[in-house]
Amino acid sequence: MFARVPHTIRQDYRSNNNSTDDFTVLPLGLRLLKYSGLWGDPRRKRSFVLMLFGTILFLIVPKIVLGTGSDSFDSFARSTAEIIFCNNNYLMMIIFAGRRKPFEQLIVAVQQLFDKHRSCHTPTSEFVVTVNRQIMRYSRLYIAIQGVYFLIFNLLPPIVTYRAYFTATNGTNVTFLLPIESRFFFMDIRHSIVDYTIFTLLACPAFLFTAYLTVLKGLVFIGVIAYNTLQYQIVSRRVQELRGLHHQTNPVRYNRRLAEIIDLHSVATECTKLLDSVLNLILLVQFTNTVLMCCLFLFYISKNFNSGAINVLLLFLALTVENFCFSYFGTRLSAENLAVADAVYHTAWYKCPPSFQKQLQQMIRHAYKTRGVTVGKFYIVDVSSFGQLLKMIFSYYVILKELF
């Protein structure tokens, strides 16, 4: 249904991203996405690539080449989980870069829907504004939560370390608290305060970049799921409004609105297909890596329940909340798709002209077909799948605990 987005349309839309218009799609998410070069000016990709290689150099390479500086398995488990956490963010954004075309088509389709309601003052237009404001509030809240995670993750280890170092008596050997389990090239970051300070200053931008990618995932990927859900909600509302009209009284107006509803539902289902083509591989990476990361994080926390485990706990919470958000909004998308069938069924569709009856019956059949975002096209992402994910994490954690 959607052809490739023309360059002029994409450019015009991007120029409006700086506004806080109630009828603008993903105002915060796309603005942040611009800085990465994955939206807007492609020349920004250079800075994204530089930050990516710099982060890999500071966070990943020392872990792989030099190890953690400890022979214990719990230290190895934490280091492995941290590597997976970083690589998970990088790999997901690389996959997203390869799926940019369907994402652009999805954004333009939703923006066209918003533009149709921009000049209207109908209950549906007010509903669009209400939902878009809720999405923007969610975006700000998500940024604030990730900001708190970032501050605690970066500030807690130096605070604990400097306090222990400057309050230690002469001759006391102080082992410094690191934000991640790693060595840093030739530096002794566990016992030299100078080397520790240099490492903290150099690693902070890498941590910030990783947090930035985490925010992007939450705002953009979850945001587009919410917008696709809104499309189905609009279809249901329009069907309910149609009940107030009688085909015999004003057949032309009735048929025109009915045709618009059928077209809206067709666009919504096409957007769901686009959405799944963007996210199915991304969510496969996300859910698979989450199982590995969280069971390793739980294993480390159970063996090292101290101040050093706080950063690990933060990463565990960030992953859990992120996956729950994917599952919750995935459930809402599937539920709203099913609600369309219920709304159409309770209209007098059998009184419509035969051509419209066939299309409405087709709408009901399509709506009863389970739709949503999938994990690698294996299963639909919903709250029940999140519960299965938690069970799997705990099962692997128990196995690890028994073995080690």
Protein backbone atom coordinates (compact mmCIF):
# COMPACT_ATOMS: atom_id res chain seq x y z
CA MET A 1 0.00 0.00 0.00
CA PHE A 2 2.78 2.44 0.87
CA ALA A 3 5.35 3.31 -1.77
CA ARG A 4 8.83 4.49 -0.92
CA VAL A 5 8.60 7.86 0.85
CA PRO A 6 9.68 10.65 -1.53
CA HIS A 7 12.72 12.64 -0.45
CA THR A 8 10.78 15.91 -0.38
CA ILE A 9 8.13 14.50 1.97
CA ARG A 10 10.71 13.13 4.34
CA GLN A 11 12.64 16.41 4.36
CA ASP A 12 9.51 18.51 5.00
CA TYR A 13 8.43 16.26 7.84
CA ARG A 14 11.80 16.32 9.52
CA SER A 15 11.88 20.09 9.46
CA ASN A 16 8.84 20.08 11.80
CA ASN A 17 10.39 17.81 14.41
CA ASN A 18 11.49 20.72 16.59
CA SER A 19 7.91 21.76 17.32
CA THR A 20 5.88 20.46 20.23
CA ASP A 21 2.72 20.27 18.15
CA ASP A 22 0.07 17.93 19.48
CA PHE A 23 -0.24 16.51 15.98
CA THR A 24 3.43 15.66 15.52
CA VAL A 25 4.53 12.03 15.61
CA LEU A 26 7.28 11.14 18.11
CA PRO A 27 8.49 14.72 18.69
CA LEU A 28 11.04 13.71 21.33
CA GLY A 29 11.99 10.32 19.92
CA LEU A 30 12.72 11.54 16.40
CA ARG A 31 14.58 14.56 17.73
CA LEU A 32 16.91 12.28 19.66
CA LEU A 33 17.11 9.92 16.69
CA LYS A 34 18.37 12.82 14.56
CA TYR A 35 21.49 13.15 16.70
CA SER A 36 22.47 9.58 15.87
CA GLY A 37 22.26 10.14 12.12
CA LEU A 38 19.55 7.48 11.79
CA TRP A 39 16.99 10.20 11.02
CA GLY A 40 17.43 13.50 9.24
CA ASP A 41 20.84 14.64 8.07
CA PRO A 42 22.85 11.50 7.10
CA ARG A 43 26.13 13.33 7.78
CA ARG A 44 25.47 12.90 11.48
CA LYS A 45 26.17 9.18 11.05
CA ARG A 46 29.87 9.99 11.25
CA SER A 47 29.61 11.14 14.85
CA PHE A 48 27.46 8.10 15.65
CA VAL A 49 30.07 5.74 14.17
CA LEU A 50 32.87 7.50 16.07
CA MET A 51 31.00 7.24 19.36
CA LEU A 52 30.21 3.59 18.66
CA PHE A 53 33.84 2.68 18.00
CA GLY A 54 34.99 4.76 20.97
CA THR A 55 32.53 3.02 23.27
CA ILE A 56 33.57 -0.42 22.02
CA LEU A 57 37.22 0.55 22.52
CA PHE A 58 36.71 1.67 26.13
CA LEU A 59 34.08 -0.81 27.32
CA ILE A 60 34.29 -3.98 25.24
CA VAL A 61 37.88 -4.42 24.07
CA PRO A 62 39.51 -4.30 27.56
CA LYS A 63 37.01 -6.88 28.84
CA ILE A 64 37.68 -9.30 25.99
CA VAL A 65 41.45 -8.81 25.73
CA LEU A 66 42.45 -8.26 29.38
CA GLY A 67 39.62 -9.94 31.29
CA THR A 68 38.26 -8.73 34.60
CA GLY A 69 41.31 -9.10 36.81
CA SER A 70 39.57 -11.78 38.86
CA ASP A 71 39.43 -15.56 38.52
CA SER A 72 36.02 -16.00 40.18
CA PHE A 73 33.10 -17.16 38.08
CA ASP A 74 30.76 -14.52 39.49
CA SER A 75 33.12 -11.81 38.23
CA PHE A 76 33.20 -13.51 34.82
CA ALA A 77 29.39 -13.75 34.84
CA ARG A 78 29.00 -10.04 35.52
CA SER A 79 31.55 -9.08 32.87
CA THR A 80 29.86 -11.31 30.29
CA ALA A 81 26.44 -9.85 31.07
CA GLU A 82 27.81 -6.31 30.72
CA ILE A 83 29.32 -7.16 27.33
CA ILE A 84 25.98 -8.58 26.19
CA PHE A 85 24.15 -5.50 27.52
CA CYS A 86 26.33 -3.12 25.48
CA ASN A 87 26.34 -5.28 22.37
CA ASN A 88 22.57 -5.68 22.63
CA ASN A 89 22.08 -1.91 22.31
CA TYR A 90 24.57 -1.59 19.47
CA LEU A 91 23.21 -4.55 17.52
CA MET A 92 19.60 -3.42 17.87
CA MET A 93 20.39 0.03 16.45
CA ILE A 94 22.41 -1.51 13.60
CA ILE A 95 19.40 -3.71 12.74
CA PHE A 96 17.17 -0.64 12.96
CA ALA A 97 19.43 1.20 10.49
CA GLY A 98 18.87 -1.64 8.05
CA ARG A 99 15.08 -1.46 8.58
CA ARG A 100 14.83 2.29 8.12
CA LYS A 101 12.69 2.17 4.96
CA PRO A 102 9.60 0.50 6.53
CA PHE A 103 10.07 2.70 9.61
CA GLU A 104 9.91 5.83 7.44
CA GLN A 105 6.78 4.53 5.73
CA LEU A 106 5.21 3.87 9.13
CA ILE A 107 6.02 7.34 10.47
CA VAL A 108 4.72 9.07 7.33
CA ALA A 109 1.48 7.04 7.43
CA VAL A 110 0.80 8.01 11.06
CA GLN A 111 1.75 11.64 10.36
CA GLN A 112 -0.72 11.75 7.46
CA LEU A 113 -3.42 10.52 9.84
CA PHE A 114 -2.50 13.27 12.31
CA ASP A 115 -2.52 15.91 9.57
CA LYS A 116 -6.10 14.96 8.64
CA HIS A 117 -7.20 15.71 12.21
CA ARG A 118 -5.08 18.85 12.63
CA SER A 119 -7.70 21.23 11.24
CA CYS A 120 -10.69 19.37 12.67
CA HIS A 121 -12.39 19.91 16.01
CA THR A 122 -14.06 16.56 16.48
CA PRO A 123 -14.07 14.13 19.42
CA THR A 124 -11.65 11.94 17.46
CA SER A 125 -9.24 14.87 17.02
CA GLU A 126 -9.38 15.58 20.75
CA PHE A 127 -8.71 11.89 21.40
CA VAL A 128 -5.65 12.03 19.11
CA VAL A 129 -4.31 15.01 21.07
CA THR A 130 -4.96 13.28 24.40
CA VAL A 131 -3.15 10.10 23.37
CA ASN A 132 -0.24 12.00 21.82
CA ARG A 133 0.20 14.00 25.03
CA GLN A 134 0.19 10.76 27.02
CA ILE A 135 2.92 9.39 24.75
CA MET A 136 4.96 12.57 25.24
CA ARG A 137 4.53 12.34 29.02
CA TYR A 138 5.65 8.72 28.87
CA SER A 139 8.67 9.81 26.81
CA ARG A 140 9.70 12.43 29.35
CA LEU A 141 9.19 10.00 32.23
CA TYR A 142 11.27 7.35 30.46
CA ILE A 143 14.07 9.86 29.86
CA ALA A 144 13.95 10.90 33.53
CA ILE A 145 14.13 7.28 34.74
CA GLN A 146 17.06 6.49 32.47
CA GLY A 147 18.72 9.72 33.61
CA VAL A 148 18.43 8.63 37.24
CA TYR A 149 19.89 5.23 36.32
CA PHE A 150 22.78 6.93 34.53
CA LEU A 151 23.57 9.26 37.45
CA ILE A 152 23.51 6.47 40.03
CA PHE A 153 25.50 4.16 37.75
CA ASN A 154 28.25 6.74 37.23
CA LEU A 155 28.29 8.67 40.51
CA LEU A 156 27.89 5.92 43.11
CA PRO A 157 31.19 4.06 42.45
CA PRO A 158 33.37 7.24 42.55
CA ILE A 159 31.60 8.49 45.68
CA VAL A 160 32.14 5.19 47.49
CA THR A 161 35.71 4.91 46.21
CA TYR A 162 36.88 8.44 47.05
CA ARG A 163 35.26 8.28 50.47
CA ALA A 164 36.99 4.98 51.23
CA TYR A 165 40.32 6.25 49.86
CA PHE A 166 40.46 9.55 51.76
CA THR A 167 39.13 8.12 55.04
CA ALA A 168 41.43 5.08 55.02
CA THR A 169 44.22 4.97 57.60
CA ASN A 170 47.84 4.76 56.52
CA GLY A 171 48.84 1.36 55.22
CA THR A 172 45.27 0.27 54.52
CA ASN A 173 44.88 -1.30 51.10
CA VAL A 174 41.69 0.00 49.47
CA THR A 175 40.14 -1.84 46.52
CA PHE A 176 38.21 0.62 44.41
CA LEU A 177 34.59 0.13 43.37
CA LEU A 178 34.26 0.02 39.58
CA PRO A 179 31.08 0.84 37.65
CA ILE A 180 31.77 -2.20 35.45
CA GLU A 181 33.79 -5.37 35.95
CA SER A 182 36.87 -4.77 33.81
CA ARG A 183 40.52 -3.88 33.50
CA PHE A 184 41.62 -0.79 31.57
CA PHE A 185 44.65 -1.38 29.41
CA PHE A 186 47.91 -0.78 31.32
CA MET A 187 46.30 1.15 34.22
CA ASP A 188 45.77 -0.12 37.75
CA ILE A 189 42.25 1.17 38.17
CA ARG A 190 41.58 -0.95 41.25
CA HIS A 191 44.33 0.51 43.47
CA SER A 192 45.75 3.70 41.91
CA ILE A 193 43.55 6.74 42.52
CA VAL A 194 45.08 8.60 39.55
CA ASP A 195 44.42 5.73 37.15
CA TYR A 196 40.94 5.31 38.59
CA THR A 197 40.16 9.00 38.01
CA ILE A 198 41.38 8.86 34.41
CA PHE A 199 39.32 5.74 33.77
CA THR A 200 36.21 7.36 35.28
CA LEU A 201 36.55 10.46 33.09
CA LEU A 202 37.23 8.50 29.90
CA ALA A 203 34.51 5.90 30.45
CA CYS A 204 31.77 8.40 31.29
CA PRO A 205 31.09 9.39 27.62
CA ALA A 206 30.92 5.70 26.71
CA PHE A 207 28.37 5.09 29.49
CA LEU A 208 26.42 8.15 28.31
CA PHE A 209 26.33 6.86 24.73
CA THR A 210 25.07 3.46 25.89
CA ALA A 211 22.37 5.15 27.99
CA TYR A 212 21.45 7.29 24.98
CA LEU A 213 20.86 4.17 22.88
CA THR A 214 18.77 2.69 25.68
CA VAL A 215 16.59 5.82 25.71
CA LEU A 216 16.24 5.66 21.92
CA LYS A 217 14.99 2.08 22.11
CA GLY A 218 12.36 2.98 24.67
CA LEU A 219 11.11 6.17 22.99
CA VAL A 220 11.14 5.12 19.34
CA PHE A 221 10.32 1.41 19.36
CA ILE A 222 7.69 1.52 22.10
CA GLY A 223 6.38 4.82 20.76
CA VAL A 224 5.58 3.44 17.30
CA ILE A 225 3.75 0.51 18.90
CA ALA A 226 1.60 3.02 20.79
CA TYR A 227 0.85 4.97 17.59
CA ASN A 228 -0.21 1.83 15.74
CA THR A 229 -2.49 1.06 18.71
CA LEU A 230 -3.94 4.56 18.35
CA GLN A 231 -4.83 3.81 14.72
CA TYR A 232 -7.00 0.87 15.77
CA GLN A 233 -8.57 2.95 18.54
CA ILE A 234 -9.52 5.61 16.00
CA VAL A 235 -11.12 2.96 13.78
CA SER A 236 -13.20 1.66 16.72
CA ARG A 237 -14.30 5.19 17.65
CA ARG A 238 -15.26 5.98 14.07
CA VAL A 239 -17.30 2.78 13.89
CA GLN A 240 -19.10 3.71 17.11
CA GLU A 241 -19.83 7.20 15.72
CA LEU A 242 -21.29 5.54 12.63
CA ARG A 243 -24.04 4.00 14.76
CA GLY A 244 -25.61 7.46 15.12
CA LEU A 245 -26.13 7.73 11.38
CA HIS A 246 -28.82 5.94 9.41
CA HIS A 247 -28.11 4.72 5.94
CA GLN A 248 -31.64 5.47 4.71
CA THR A 249 -31.61 9.07 6.01
CA ASN A 250 -28.34 10.20 4.42
CA PRO A 251 -26.91 7.37 2.31
CA VAL A 252 -24.20 9.48 0.64
CA ARG A 253 -22.74 10.71 3.92
CA TYR A 254 -23.07 7.26 5.50
CA ASN A 255 -21.30 5.54 2.63
CA ARG A 256 -18.54 8.13 2.59
CA ARG A 257 -17.81 7.67 6.29
CA LEU A 258 -17.99 3.92 5.95
CA ALA A 259 -15.46 4.02 3.11
CA GLU A 260 -13.16 6.18 5.27
CA ILE A 261 -13.39 3.68 8.15
CA ILE A 262 -12.56 0.75 5.86
CA ASP A 263 -9.59 2.68 4.48
CA LEU A 264 -8.40 3.61 7.99
CA HIS A 265 -8.50 -0.02 9.06
CA SER A 266 -6.63 -1.07 5.95
CA VAL A 267 -3.91 1.48 6.68
CA ALA A 268 -3.73 0.34 10.33
CA THR A 269 -3.23 -3.32 9.37
CA GLU A 270 -0.58 -2.36 6.82
CA CYS A 271 1.17 -0.30 9.51
CA THR A 272 1.14 -3.32 11.82
CA LYS A 273 2.89 -5.33 9.11
CA LEU A 274 5.45 -2.53 8.68
CA LEU A 275 5.88 -2.31 12.45
CA ASP A 276 6.52 -6.03 12.74
CA SER A 277 9.00 -5.93 9.85
CA VAL A 278 10.93 -3.25 11.75
CA LEU A 279 10.80 -4.85 15.19
CA ASN A 280 10.62 -8.65 14.85
CA LEU A 281 14.38 -9.20 14.55
CA ILE A 282 15.14 -6.40 17.03
CA LEU A 283 12.87 -8.01 19.64
CA LEU A 284 14.36 -11.43 18.96
CA VAL A 285 17.78 -9.99 19.84
CA GLN A 286 16.31 -8.14 22.83
CA PHE A 287 14.46 -11.07 24.40
CA THR A 288 17.24 -13.60 23.75
CA ASN A 289 19.91 -11.35 25.24
CA THR A 290 17.64 -10.46 28.16
CA VAL A 291 17.47 -14.10 29.23
CA LEU A 292 21.27 -14.37 29.13
CA MET A 293 21.92 -11.05 30.84
CA CYS A 294 19.36 -11.24 33.60
CA CYS A 295 20.22 -14.77 34.74
CA LEU A 296 23.91 -13.75 34.91
CA PHE A 297 23.03 -10.55 36.76
CA LEU A 298 20.90 -12.47 39.26
CA PHE A 299 23.73 -14.95 39.79
CA TYR A 300 26.19 -12.13 40.52
CA ILE A 301 23.82 -10.32 42.89
CA SER A 302 23.14 -13.52 44.83
CA LYS A 303 26.92 -14.02 45.32
CA ASN A 304 27.84 -10.36 45.92
CA PHE A 305 25.03 -8.59 47.72
CA ASN A 306 26.92 -5.38 48.53
CA SER A 307 27.49 -1.85 47.22
CA GLY A 308 29.25 -3.30 44.17
CA ALA A 309 26.03 -5.04 43.14
CA ILE A 310 23.99 -1.82 42.90
CA ASN A 311 25.12 -1.07 39.35
CA VAL A 312 24.30 -4.65 38.36
CA LEU A 313 20.87 -4.30 39.96
CA LEU A 314 20.29 -1.07 37.99
CA LEU A 315 21.02 -2.83 34.70
CA PHE A 316 18.72 -5.69 35.73
CA LEU A 317 15.90 -3.26 36.56
CA ALA A 318 16.42 -1.32 33.31
CA LEU A 319 16.14 -4.51 31.27
CA THR A 320 13.10 -5.76 33.17
CA VAL A 321 11.21 -2.46 32.86
CA GLU A 322 12.09 -2.16 29.17
CA ASN A 323 10.84 -5.66 28.35
CA PHE A 324 7.70 -5.14 30.40
CA CYS A 325 6.96 -1.96 28.41
CA PHE A 326 7.36 -3.86 25.14
CA SER A 327 5.04 -6.58 26.42
CA TYR A 328 2.43 -4.19 27.85
CA PHE A 329 2.14 -2.07 24.73
CA GLY A 330 2.21 -5.20 22.57
CA THR A 331 -0.78 -6.52 24.53
CA ARG A 332 -2.64 -3.25 24.02
CA LEU A 333 -1.98 -3.36 20.28
CA SER A 334 -3.42 -6.87 19.97
CA ALA A 335 -6.40 -5.97 22.18
CA GLU A 336 -7.30 -2.85 20.19
CA ASN A 337 -7.10 -4.82 16.95
CA LEU A 338 -9.60 -7.29 18.40
CA ALA A 339 -11.80 -4.42 19.63
CA VAL A 340 -12.33 -3.34 16.02
CA ALA A 341 -14.08 -6.64 15.29
CA ASP A 342 -16.36 -6.17 18.29
CA ALA A 343 -17.20 -2.59 17.27
CA VAL A 344 -18.01 -3.57 13.67
CA TYR A 345 -20.05 -6.60 14.77
CA HIS A 346 -22.33 -4.45 16.93
CA THR A 347 -23.18 -2.07 14.07
CA ALA A 348 -26.02 -2.64 11.60
CA TRP A 349 -23.52 -3.79 9.00
CA TYR A 350 -26.07 -6.16 7.48
CA LYS A 351 -28.15 -3.11 6.41
CA CYS A 352 -25.31 -1.67 4.35
CA PRO A 353 -25.06 -2.08 0.58
CA PRO A 354 -23.73 -5.53 -0.44
CA SER A 355 -20.33 -4.15 -1.49
CA PHE A 356 -19.81 -2.60 1.96
CA GLN A 357 -21.10 -5.71 3.70
CA LYS A 358 -18.32 -7.75 2.14
CA GLN A 359 -15.70 -5.22 3.20
CA LEU A 360 -17.05 -5.05 6.75
CA GLN A 361 -17.06 -8.84 6.97
CA GLN A 362 -13.47 -8.72 5.77
CA MET A 363 -12.68 -6.19 8.52
CA ILE A 364 -14.13 -8.54 11.13
CA ARG A 365 -12.12 -11.49 9.80
CA HIS A 366 -8.91 -9.42 9.77
CA ALA A 367 -9.57 -8.08 13.27
CA TYR A 368 -10.12 -11.55 14.71
CA LYS A 369 -6.75 -12.57 13.34
CA THR A 370 -4.18 -12.02 16.09
CA ARG A 371 -2.00 -9.06 15.16
CA GLY A 372 0.89 -7.38 16.90
CA VAL A 373 4.65 -7.26 17.06
CA THR A 374 6.43 -10.59 17.16
CA VAL A 375 9.70 -11.96 18.46
CA GLY A 376 11.36 -13.06 15.24
CA LYS A 377 7.90 -14.05 13.93
CA PHE A 378 7.84 -16.87 16.49
CA TYR A 379 5.24 -15.48 18.89
CA ILE A 380 3.34 -12.28 19.68
CA VAL A 381 4.84 -9.97 22.29
CA ASP A 382 2.37 -9.60 25.16
CA VAL A 383 2.21 -9.72 28.96
CA SER A 384 1.95 -13.51 29.01
CA SER A 385 5.16 -13.80 26.98
CA PHE A 386 6.80 -11.47 29.53
CA GLY A 387 5.77 -13.90 32.27
CA GLN A 388 7.32 -16.76 30.31
CA LEU A 389 10.47 -14.68 29.93
CA LEU A 390 10.74 -14.21 33.70
CA LYS A 391 10.25 -17.94 34.28
CA MET A 392 12.99 -18.73 31.79
CA ILE A 393 15.38 -16.25 33.44
CA PHE A 394 14.76 -17.72 36.88
CA SER A 395 15.17 -21.30 35.57
CA TYR A 396 18.57 -20.56 34.05
CA TYR A 397 19.57 -18.67 37.19
CA VAL A 398 18.76 -21.72 39.33
CA ILE A 399 20.83 -23.92 37.04
CA LEU A 400 23.80 -21.54 37.27
CA LYS A 401 23.51 -21.37 41.03
CA GLU A 402 23.50 -25.14 41.31
CA LEU A 403 26.50 -25.54 39.01
CA PHE A 404 28.64 -22.79 40.54
